Amino acid sequence: MREVIIHKDEKTTVTIKSPWLDIALASSYLGISRSEFLKVVSDNVPFKGFGNRRRYHVDNLDKFNPQQEPAKGEERPSV
């Protein structure tokens, strides 16, 4: 298990001790808003659970790069 520390601002620090993150923690981990996470990431990264109970593994979030476009004729690699 890996410990992740997210500094949201000068006063707020979030420490994550599980590799499985809910939507709110996963969006914070990536440094994006929840709405952006839901639009760009949520269905493109493997997850467990369903609805608001989805959990994303930190390793899969690390592998996901929304800026990386697949080359012509190639599909986006699954993580």
PDB file of N, CA and C in Angstrom:
ATOM      1  N   MET A   1       0.848  -1.174   0.000  1.00  0.00           N
ATOM      2  CA  MET A   1       0.000   0.000   0.000  1.00  0.00           C
ATOM      3  C   MET A   1       0.892   1.235   0.000  1.00  0.00           C
ATOM      4  N   ARG A   2       0.448   2.241  -0.724  1.00  0.00           N
ATOM      5  CA  ARG A   2       1.222   3.457  -0.890  1.00  0.00           C
ATOM      6  C   ARG A   2       0.482   4.610  -0.228  1.00  0.00           C
ATOM      7  N   GLU A   3       1.220   5.497   0.394  1.00  0.00           N
ATOM      8  CA  GLU A   3       0.606   6.666   1.017  1.00  0.00           C
ATOM      9  C   GLU A   3       0.772   7.858   0.091  1.00  0.00           C
ATOM     10  N   VAL A   4      -0.321   8.537  -0.189  1.00  0.00           N
ATOM     11  CA  VAL A   4      -0.314   9.697  -1.075  1.00  0.00           C
ATOM     12  C   VAL A   4      -0.739  10.907  -0.269  1.00  0.00           C
ATOM     13  N   ILE A   5       0.009  11.982  -0.363  1.00  0.00           N
ATOM     14  CA  ILE A   5      -0.334  13.219   0.337  1.00  0.00           C
ATOM     15  C   ILE A   5      -0.640  14.282  -0.706  1.00  0.00           C
ATOM     16  N   ILE A   6      -1.821  14.871  -0.621  1.00  0.00           N
ATOM     17  CA  ILE A   6      -2.248  15.905  -1.559  1.00  0.00           C
ATOM     18  C   ILE A   6      -2.364  17.214  -0.793  1.00  0.00           C
ATOM     19  N   HIS A   7      -1.636  18.226  -1.241  1.00  0.00           N
ATOM     20  CA  HIS A   7      -1.724  19.557  -0.636  1.00  0.00           C
ATOM     21  C   HIS A   7      -2.690  20.375  -1.481  1.00  0.00           C
ATOM     22  N   LYS A   8      -3.894  20.588  -0.952  1.00  0.00           N
ATOM     23  CA  LYS A   8      -4.904  21.322  -1.708  1.00  0.00           C
ATOM     24  C   LYS A   8      -4.653  22.827  -1.646  1.00  0.00           C
ATOM     25  N   ASP A   9      -4.286  23.312  -0.520  1.00  0.00           N
ATOM     26  CA  ASP A   9      -3.903  24.708  -0.348  1.00  0.00           C
ATOM     27  C   ASP A   9      -3.021  24.771   0.895  1.00  0.00           C
ATOM     28  N   GLU A  10      -2.713  25.964   1.358  1.00  0.00           N
ATOM     29  CA  GLU A  10      -1.800  26.100   2.494  1.00  0.00           C
ATOM     30  C   GLU A  10      -2.333  25.459   3.768  1.00  0.00           C
ATOM     31  N   LYS A  11      -3.661  25.377   3.903  1.00  0.00           N
ATOM     32  CA  LYS A  11      -4.245  24.879   5.145  1.00  0.00           C
ATOM     33  C   LYS A  11      -4.743  23.440   5.059  1.00  0.00           C
ATOM     34  N   THR A  12      -4.956  22.940   3.853  1.00  0.00           N
ATOM     35  CA  THR A  12      -5.590  21.634   3.696  1.00  0.00           C
ATOM     36  C   THR A  12      -4.624  20.619   3.100  1.00  0.00           C
ATOM     37  N   THR A  13      -4.455  19.514   3.783  1.00  0.00           N
ATOM     38  CA  THR A  13      -3.649  18.408   3.291  1.00  0.00           C
ATOM     39  C   THR A  13      -4.473  17.136   3.441  1.00  0.00           C
ATOM     40  N   VAL A  14      -4.511  16.339   2.386  1.00  0.00           N
ATOM     41  CA  VAL A  14      -5.243  15.080   2.409  1.00  0.00           C
ATOM     42  C   VAL A  14      -4.228  13.950   2.315  1.00  0.00           C
ATOM     43  N   THR A  15      -4.298  13.006   3.240  1.00  0.00           N
ATOM     44  CA  THR A  15      -3.424  11.840   3.211  1.00  0.00           C
ATOM     45  C   THR A  15      -4.260  10.625   2.861  1.00  0.00           C
ATOM     46  N   ILE A  16      -3.833   9.924   1.827  1.00  0.00           N
ATOM     47  CA  ILE A  16      -4.555   8.754   1.343  1.00  0.00           C
ATOM     48  C   ILE A  16      -3.685   7.531   1.626  1.00  0.00           C
ATOM     49  N   LYS A  17      -4.252   6.576   2.347  1.00  0.00           N
ATOM     50  CA  LYS A  17      -3.481   5.386   2.688  1.00  0.00           C
ATOM     51  C   LYS A  17      -3.933   4.149   1.926  1.00  0.00           C
ATOM     52  N   SER A  18      -4.967   4.271   1.131  1.00  0.00           N
ATOM     53  CA  SER A  18      -5.446   3.152   0.322  1.00  0.00           C
ATOM     54  C   SER A  18      -5.147   3.448  -1.144  1.00  0.00           C
ATOM     55  N   PRO A  19      -4.816   2.429  -1.911  1.00  0.00           N
ATOM     56  CA  PRO A  19      -4.583   2.664  -3.341  1.00  0.00           C
ATOM     57  C   PRO A  19      -5.883   2.844  -4.117  1.00  0.00           C
ATOM     58  N   TRP A  20      -7.049   2.601  -3.497  1.00  0.00           N
ATOM     59  CA  TRP A  20      -8.344   2.737  -4.154  1.00  0.00           C
ATOM     60  C   TRP A  20      -8.978   4.048  -3.741  1.00  0.00           C
ATOM     61  N   LEU A  21      -9.271   4.915  -4.718  1.00  0.00           N
ATOM     62  CA  LEU A  21      -9.797   6.240  -4.448  1.00  0.00           C
ATOM     63  C   LEU A  21     -11.210   6.385  -4.992  1.00  0.00           C
ATOM     64  N   ASP A  22     -12.064   7.080  -4.233  1.00  0.00           N
ATOM     65  CA  ASP A  22     -13.392   7.385  -4.754  1.00  0.00           C
ATOM     66  C   ASP A  22     -13.269   8.542  -5.742  1.00  0.00           C
ATOM     67  N   ILE A  23     -14.378   8.954  -6.319  1.00  0.00           N
ATOM     68  CA  ILE A  23     -14.352   9.988  -7.360  1.00  0.00           C
ATOM     69  C   ILE A  23     -13.758  11.295  -6.848  1.00  0.00           C
ATOM     70  N   ALA A  24     -14.150  11.707  -5.642  1.00  0.00           N
ATOM     71  CA  ALA A  24     -13.652  12.968  -5.088  1.00  0.00           C
ATOM     72  C   ALA A  24     -12.138  12.927  -4.872  1.00  0.00           C
ATOM     73  N   LEU A  25     -11.643  11.848  -4.278  1.00  0.00           N
ATOM     74  CA  LEU A  25     -10.206  11.732  -4.036  1.00  0.00           C
ATOM     75  C   LEU A  25      -9.430  11.546  -5.334  1.00  0.00           C
ATOM     76  N   ALA A  26      -9.998  10.809  -6.278  1.00  0.00           N
ATOM     77  CA  ALA A  26      -9.319  10.598  -7.562  1.00  0.00           C
ATOM     78  C   ALA A  26      -9.166  11.911  -8.319  1.00  0.00           C
ATOM     79  N   SER A  27     -10.198  12.754  -8.287  1.00  0.00           N
ATOM     80  CA  SER A  27     -10.088  14.048  -8.965  1.00  0.00           C
ATOM     81  C   SER A  27      -9.066  14.935  -8.264  1.00  0.00           C
ATOM     82  N   SER A  28      -9.037  14.908  -6.938  1.00  0.00           N
ATOM     83  CA  SER A  28      -8.026  15.668  -6.199  1.00  0.00           C
ATOM     84  C   SER A  28      -6.627  15.145  -6.495  1.00  0.00           C
ATOM     85  N   TYR A  29      -6.504  13.824  -6.575  1.00  0.00           N
ATOM     86  CA  TYR A  29      -5.218  13.197  -6.866  1.00  0.00           C
ATOM     87  C   TYR A  29      -4.673  13.670  -8.212  1.00  0.00           C
ATOM     88  N   LEU A  30      -5.559  13.800  -9.203  1.00  0.00           N
ATOM     89  CA  LEU A  30      -5.139  14.253 -10.527  1.00  0.00           C
ATOM     90  C   LEU A  30      -5.048  15.774 -10.625  1.00  0.00           C
ATOM     91  N   GLY A  31      -5.564  16.468  -9.604  1.00  0.00           N
ATOM     92  CA  GLY A  31      -5.490  17.929  -9.606  1.00  0.00           C
ATOM     93  C   GLY A  31      -6.502  18.585 -10.523  1.00  0.00           C
ATOM     94  N   ILE A  32      -7.645  17.926 -10.719  1.00  0.00           N
ATOM     95  CA  ILE A  32      -8.693  18.489 -11.571  1.00  0.00           C
ATOM     96  C   ILE A  32      -9.999  18.534 -10.784  1.00  0.00           C
ATOM     97  N   SER A  33     -10.962  19.258 -11.314  1.00  0.00           N
ATOM     98  CA  SER A  33     -12.258  19.349 -10.643  1.00  0.00           C
ATOM     99  C   SER A  33     -13.028  18.033 -10.808  1.00  0.00           C
ATOM    100  N   ARG A  34     -14.005  17.851  -9.941  1.00  0.00           N
ATOM    101  CA  ARG A  34     -14.838  16.642 -10.004  1.00  0.00           C
ATOM    102  C   ARG A  34     -15.579  16.564 -11.343  1.00  0.00           C
ATOM    103  N   SER A  35     -16.115  17.702 -11.803  1.00  0.00           N
ATOM    104  CA  SER A  35     -16.862  17.693 -13.069  1.00  0.00           C
ATOM    105  C   SER A  35     -15.942  17.365 -14.245  1.00  0.00           C
ATOM    106  N   GLU A  36     -14.724  17.873 -14.234  1.00  0.00           N
ATOM    107  CA  GLU A  36     -13.778  17.554 -15.307  1.00  0.00           C
ATOM    108  C   GLU A  36     -13.392  16.068 -15.243  1.00  0.00           C
ATOM    109  N   PHE A  37     -13.216  15.557 -14.035  1.00  0.00           N
ATOM    110  CA  PHE A  37     -12.909  14.143 -13.868  1.00  0.00           C
ATOM    111  C   PHE A  37     -14.024  13.282 -14.469  1.00  0.00           C
ATOM    112  N   LEU A  38     -15.270  13.638 -14.174  1.00  0.00           N
ATOM    113  CA  LEU A  38     -16.403  12.861 -14.674  1.00  0.00           C
ATOM    114  C   LEU A  38     -16.498  12.926 -16.195  1.00  0.00           C
ATOM    115  N   LYS A  39     -16.157  14.072 -16.794  1.00  0.00           N
ATOM    116  CA  LYS A  39     -16.220  14.216 -18.252  1.00  0.00           C
ATOM    117  C   LYS A  39     -15.075  13.498 -18.954  1.00  0.00           C
ATOM    118  N   VAL A  40     -13.864  13.628 -18.421  1.00  0.00           N
ATOM    119  CA  VAL A  40     -12.676  13.187 -19.149  1.00  0.00           C
ATOM    120  C   VAL A  40     -12.152  11.826 -18.706  1.00  0.00           C
ATOM    121  N   VAL A  41     -12.170  11.556 -17.419  1.00  0.00           N
ATOM    122  CA  VAL A  41     -11.449  10.402 -16.889  1.00  0.00           C
ATOM    123  C   VAL A  41     -12.349   9.234 -16.516  1.00  0.00           C
ATOM    124  N   SER A  42     -13.479   9.495 -15.897  1.00  0.00           N
ATOM    125  CA  SER A  42     -14.238   8.453 -15.195  1.00  0.00           C
ATOM    126  C   SER A  42     -14.513   7.193 -16.007  1.00  0.00           C
ATOM    127  N   ASP A  43     -14.878   7.305 -17.256  1.00  0.00           N
ATOM    128  CA  ASP A  43     -15.182   6.118 -18.059  1.00  0.00           C
ATOM    129  C   ASP A  43     -13.990   5.624 -18.869  1.00  0.00           C
ATOM    130  N   ASN A  44     -12.871   6.318 -18.801  1.00  0.00           N
ATOM    131  CA  ASN A  44     -11.692   5.934 -19.578  1.00  0.00           C
ATOM    132  C   ASN A  44     -10.624   5.230 -18.748  1.00  0.00           C
ATOM    133  N   VAL A  45     -10.856   5.095 -17.457  1.00  0.00           N
ATOM    134  CA  VAL A  45      -9.917   4.433 -16.562  1.00  0.00           C
ATOM    135  C   VAL A  45     -10.657   3.278 -15.894  1.00  0.00           C
ATOM    136  N   PRO A  46     -10.040   2.105 -15.823  1.00  0.00           N
ATOM    137  CA  PRO A  46     -10.704   0.979 -15.162  1.00  0.00           C
ATOM    138  C   PRO A  46     -11.071   1.318 -13.720  1.00  0.00           C
ATOM    139  N   PHE A  47     -12.202   0.795 -13.273  1.00  0.00           N
ATOM    140  CA  PHE A  47     -12.665   1.056 -11.912  1.00  0.00           C
ATOM    141  C   PHE A  47     -13.386  -0.163 -11.391  1.00  0.00           C
ATOM    142  N   LYS A  48     -13.621  -0.171 -10.094  1.00  0.00           N
ATOM    143  CA  LYS A  48     -14.432  -1.213  -9.461  1.00  0.00           C
ATOM    144  C   LYS A  48     -15.629  -0.535  -8.847  1.00  0.00           C
ATOM    145  N   GLY A  49     -16.732  -1.234  -8.749  1.00  0.00           N
ATOM    146  CA  GLY A  49     -17.943  -0.664  -8.181  1.00  0.00           C
ATOM    147  C   GLY A  49     -18.814  -0.065  -9.261  1.00  0.00           C
ATOM    148  N   PHE A  50     -19.820   0.699  -8.836  1.00  0.00           N
ATOM    149  CA  PHE A  50     -20.731   1.320  -9.783  1.00  0.00           C
ATOM    150  C   PHE A  50     -21.292   2.599  -9.188  1.00  0.00           C
ATOM    151  N   GLY A  51     -21.813   3.463 -10.060  1.00  0.00           N
ATOM    152  CA  GLY A  51     -22.411   4.723  -9.602  1.00  0.00           C
ATOM    153  C   GLY A  51     -21.441   5.550  -8.774  1.00  0.00           C
ATOM    154  N   ASN A  52     -21.929   6.064  -7.655  1.00  0.00           N
ATOM    155  CA  ASN A  52     -21.077   6.863  -6.774  1.00  0.00           C
ATOM    156  C   ASN A  52     -20.134   6.013  -5.940  1.00  0.00           C
ATOM    157  N   ARG A  53     -20.244   4.716  -6.059  1.00  0.00           N
ATOM    158  CA  ARG A  53     -19.370   3.817  -5.303  1.00  0.00           C
ATOM    159  C   ARG A  53     -18.160   3.358  -6.117  1.00  0.00           C
ATOM    160  N   ARG A  54     -17.895   4.006  -7.233  1.00  0.00           N
ATOM    161  CA  ARG A  54     -16.736   3.654  -8.054  1.00  0.00           C
ATOM    162  C   ARG A  54     -15.456   3.930  -7.279  1.00  0.00           C
ATOM    163  N   ARG A  55     -14.485   3.037  -7.465  1.00  0.00           N
ATOM    164  CA  ARG A  55     -13.164   3.220  -6.870  1.00  0.00           C
ATOM    165  C   ARG A  55     -12.133   3.047  -7.978  1.00  0.00           C
ATOM    166  N   TYR A  56     -11.199   3.972  -8.020  1.00  0.00           N
ATOM    167  CA  TYR A  56     -10.147   3.977  -9.042  1.00  0.00           C
ATOM    168  C   TYR A  56      -8.815   3.669  -8.375  1.00  0.00           C
ATOM    169  N   HIS A  57      -8.040   2.789  -8.987  1.00  0.00           N
ATOM    170  CA  HIS A  57      -6.734   2.441  -8.430  1.00  0.00           C
ATOM    171  C   HIS A  57      -5.720   3.507  -8.836  1.00  0.00           C
ATOM    172  N   VAL A  58      -4.861   3.870  -7.897  1.00  0.00           N
ATOM    173  CA  VAL A  58      -3.873   4.923  -8.128  1.00  0.00           C
ATOM    174  C   VAL A  58      -2.972   4.594  -9.316  1.00  0.00           C
ATOM    175  N   ASP A  59      -2.584   3.342  -9.473  1.00  0.00           N
ATOM    176  CA  ASP A  59      -1.717   2.958 -10.592  1.00  0.00           C
ATOM    177  C   ASP A  59      -2.385   3.227 -11.939  1.00  0.00           C
ATOM    178  N   ASN A  60      -3.695   2.956 -12.042  1.00  0.00           N
ATOM    179  CA  ASN A  60      -4.414   3.229 -13.289  1.00  0.00           C
ATOM    180  C   ASN A  60      -4.545   4.725 -13.531  1.00  0.00           C
ATOM    181  N   LEU A  61      -4.725   5.503 -12.476  1.00  0.00           N
ATOM    182  CA  LEU A  61      -4.788   6.958 -12.629  1.00  0.00           C
ATOM    183  C   LEU A  61      -3.442   7.507 -13.068  1.00  0.00           C
ATOM    184  N   ASP A  62      -2.353   6.921 -12.551  1.00  0.00           N
ATOM    185  CA  ASP A  62      -1.008   7.354 -12.951  1.00  0.00           C
ATOM    186  C   ASP A  62      -0.745   7.083 -14.430  1.00  0.00           C
ATOM    187  N   LYS A  63      -1.287   5.990 -14.938  1.00  0.00           N
ATOM    188  CA  LYS A  63      -1.070   5.618 -16.340  1.00  0.00           C
ATOM    189  C   LYS A  63      -1.909   6.443 -17.306  1.00  0.00           C
ATOM    190  N   PHE A  64      -3.033   6.971 -16.832  1.00  0.00           N
ATOM    191  CA  PHE A  64      -3.942   7.700 -17.710  1.00  0.00           C
ATOM    192  C   PHE A  64      -3.406   9.093 -17.992  1.00  0.00           C
ATOM    193  N   ASN A  65      -3.355   9.454 -19.277  1.00  0.00           N
ATOM    194  CA  ASN A  65      -2.927  10.780 -19.686  1.00  0.00           C
ATOM    195  C   ASN A  65      -3.931  11.305 -20.698  1.00  0.00           C
ATOM    196  N   PRO A  66      -4.857  12.187 -20.270  1.00  0.00           N
ATOM    197  CA  PRO A  66      -5.887  12.663 -21.192  1.00  0.00           C
ATOM    198  C   PRO A  66      -5.338  13.502 -22.340  1.00  0.00           C
ATOM    199  N   GLN A  67      -4.119  14.016 -22.210  1.00  0.00           N
ATOM    200  CA  GLN A  67      -3.521  14.829 -23.267  1.00  0.00           C
ATOM    201  C   GLN A  67      -2.963  13.970 -24.396  1.00  0.00           C
ATOM    202  N   GLN A  68      -2.691  12.705 -24.091  1.00  0.00           N
ATOM    203  CA  GLN A  68      -2.086  11.812 -25.079  1.00  0.00           C
ATOM    204  C   GLN A  68      -3.155  11.288 -26.027  1.00  0.00           C
ATOM    205  N   GLU A  69      -3.093  11.705 -27.255  1.00  0.00           N
ATOM    206  CA  GLU A  69      -4.043  11.256 -28.272  1.00  0.00           C
ATOM    207  C   GLU A  69      -3.456  10.038 -28.979  1.00  0.00           C
ATOM    208  N   PRO A  70      -4.276   9.043 -29.299  1.00  0.00           N
ATOM    209  CA  PRO A  70      -3.770   7.877 -30.025  1.00  0.00           C
ATOM    210  C   PRO A  70      -3.367   8.248 -31.450  1.00  0.00           C
ATOM    211  N   ALA A  71      -2.381   7.544 -31.970  1.00  0.00           N
ATOM    212  CA  ALA A  71      -1.944   7.776 -33.348  1.00  0.00           C
ATOM    213  C   ALA A  71      -3.042   7.307 -34.290  1.00  0.00           C
ATOM    214  N   LYS A  72      -2.979   7.777 -35.556  1.00  0.00           N
ATOM    215  CA  LYS A  72      -4.004   7.382 -36.529  1.00  0.00           C
ATOM    216  C   LYS A  72      -4.045   5.864 -36.664  1.00  0.00           C
ATOM    217  N   GLY A  73      -5.256   5.327 -36.643  1.00  0.00           N
ATOM    218  CA  GLY A  73      -5.436   3.884 -36.770  1.00  0.00           C
ATOM    219  C   GLY A  73      -5.265   3.107 -35.483  1.00  0.00           C
ATOM    220  N   GLU A  74      -4.837   3.785 -34.408  1.00  0.00           N
ATOM    221  CA  GLU A  74      -4.656   3.105 -33.138  1.00  0.00           C
ATOM    222  C   GLU A  74      -5.737   3.544 -32.163  1.00  0.00           C
ATOM    223  N   GLU A  75      -6.083   2.639 -31.296  1.00  0.00           N
ATOM    224  CA  GLU A  75      -7.032   2.976 -30.242  1.00  0.00           C
ATOM    225  C   GLU A  75      -6.256   3.456 -29.028  1.00  0.00           C
ATOM    226  N   ARG A  76      -6.967   4.185 -28.160  1.00  0.00           N
ATOM    227  CA  ARG A  76      -6.328   4.605 -26.907  1.00  0.00           C
ATOM    228  C   ARG A  76      -6.017   3.346 -26.102  1.00  0.00           C
ATOM    229  N   PRO A  77      -4.766   3.226 -25.616  1.00  0.00           N
ATOM    230  CA  PRO A  77      -4.416   2.017 -24.862  1.00  0.00           C
ATOM    231  C   PRO A  77      -5.260   1.893 -23.609  1.00  0.00           C
ATOM    232  N   SER A  78      -5.727   0.670 -23.339  1.00  0.00           N
ATOM    233  CA  SER A  78      -6.498   0.475 -22.104  1.00  0.00           C
ATOM    234  C   SER A  78      -5.519   0.286 -20.954  1.00  0.00           C
ATOM    235  N   VAL A  79      -5.921   0.765 -19.805  1.00  0.00           N
ATOM    236  CA  VAL A  79      -5.061   0.679 -18.623  1.00  0.00           C
ATOM    237  C   VAL A  79      -5.544  -0.360 -17.673  1.00  0.00           C
TER     238      VAL A  79
END
